[in-house]
Amino acid sequence: MKKTDQINLTPELQEGLEQKVKALHEIIQDIGETYPSVAFASSFGAEDIVLHHAIHQSSNKIAIF
């Protein structure tokens, strides 16, 4: 069972989540193209892990430290 299976996601919530994830990936792509030597300083908190995962999924070589 996936974690999201435990949450009652209405179609509206699912669509909103997908839009936000898409926007996050677009922002990360833009940052990587605009600033090729950018790095992400992470404290490995919950919010940072979300960004870490999104950066990892992108095609950019954004350093994480």
Protein backbone atom coordinates (compact mmCIF):
# COMPACT_ATOMS: atom_id res chain seq x y z
CA MET A 1 0.00 0.00 0.00
CA LYS A 2 1.33 3.42 -0.97
CA LYS A 3 1.30 6.25 1.57
CA THR A 4 -1.09 8.22 -0.64
CA ASP A 5 -3.56 5.32 -0.48
CA GLN A 6 -4.04 6.19 3.18
CA ILE A 7 -5.16 9.74 2.32
CA ASN A 8 -8.57 10.48 0.88
CA LEU A 9 -7.53 12.50 -2.17
CA THR A 10 -10.46 13.94 -4.04
CA PRO A 11 -9.99 14.50 -7.76
CA GLU A 12 -9.66 18.22 -7.05
CA LEU A 13 -6.92 17.65 -4.46
CA GLN A 14 -5.11 15.23 -6.76
CA GLU A 15 -5.23 17.74 -9.63
CA GLY A 16 -3.99 20.55 -7.38
CA LEU A 17 -1.12 18.39 -6.13
CA GLU A 18 -0.12 17.43 -9.66
CA GLN A 19 -0.12 21.10 -10.72
CA LYS A 20 2.12 22.04 -7.78
CA VAL A 21 4.54 19.19 -8.49
CA LYS A 22 4.71 20.22 -12.16
CA ALA A 23 5.37 23.84 -11.16
CA LEU A 24 8.12 22.72 -8.76
CA HIS A 25 9.85 20.74 -11.51
CA GLU A 26 9.60 23.70 -13.90
CA ILE A 27 11.13 26.03 -11.30
CA ILE A 28 13.99 23.61 -10.62
CA GLN A 29 14.60 23.29 -14.36
CA ASP A 30 14.68 27.08 -14.76
CA ILE A 31 17.05 27.49 -11.81
CA GLY A 32 19.41 24.84 -13.17
CA GLU A 33 19.48 26.46 -16.61
CA THR A 34 19.85 30.02 -15.30
CA TYR A 35 22.46 29.22 -12.63
CA PRO A 36 24.54 26.24 -13.83
CA SER A 37 26.72 26.21 -10.70
CA VAL A 38 23.84 26.40 -8.21
CA ALA A 39 23.88 24.24 -5.07
CA PHE A 40 21.17 23.39 -2.55
CA ALA A 41 22.03 23.56 1.16
CA SER A 42 19.91 20.97 2.94
CA SER A 43 19.24 20.42 6.62
CA PHE A 44 17.47 17.16 5.63
CA GLY A 45 14.23 18.35 7.20
CA ALA A 46 10.91 17.25 5.69
CA GLU A 47 10.69 20.23 3.34
CA ASP A 48 14.28 19.80 2.21
CA ILE A 49 13.68 16.14 1.41
CA VAL A 50 10.83 17.14 -0.92
CA LEU A 51 13.19 19.50 -2.73
CA HIS A 52 16.00 16.91 -2.68
CA HIS A 53 13.70 14.39 -4.35
CA ALA A 54 12.56 16.89 -6.99
CA ILE A 55 16.15 17.91 -7.74
CA HIS A 56 17.15 14.25 -8.05
CA GLN A 57 14.31 13.66 -10.54
CA SER A 58 15.39 16.62 -12.67
CA SER A 59 18.00 16.47 -15.41
CA ASN A 60 20.00 19.25 -13.75
CA LYS A 61 23.28 18.69 -11.97
CA ILE A 62 22.33 20.69 -8.87
CA ALA A 63 24.68 19.88 -6.02
CA ILE A 64 23.16 19.08 -2.63
CA PHE A 65 25.14 19.52 0.56
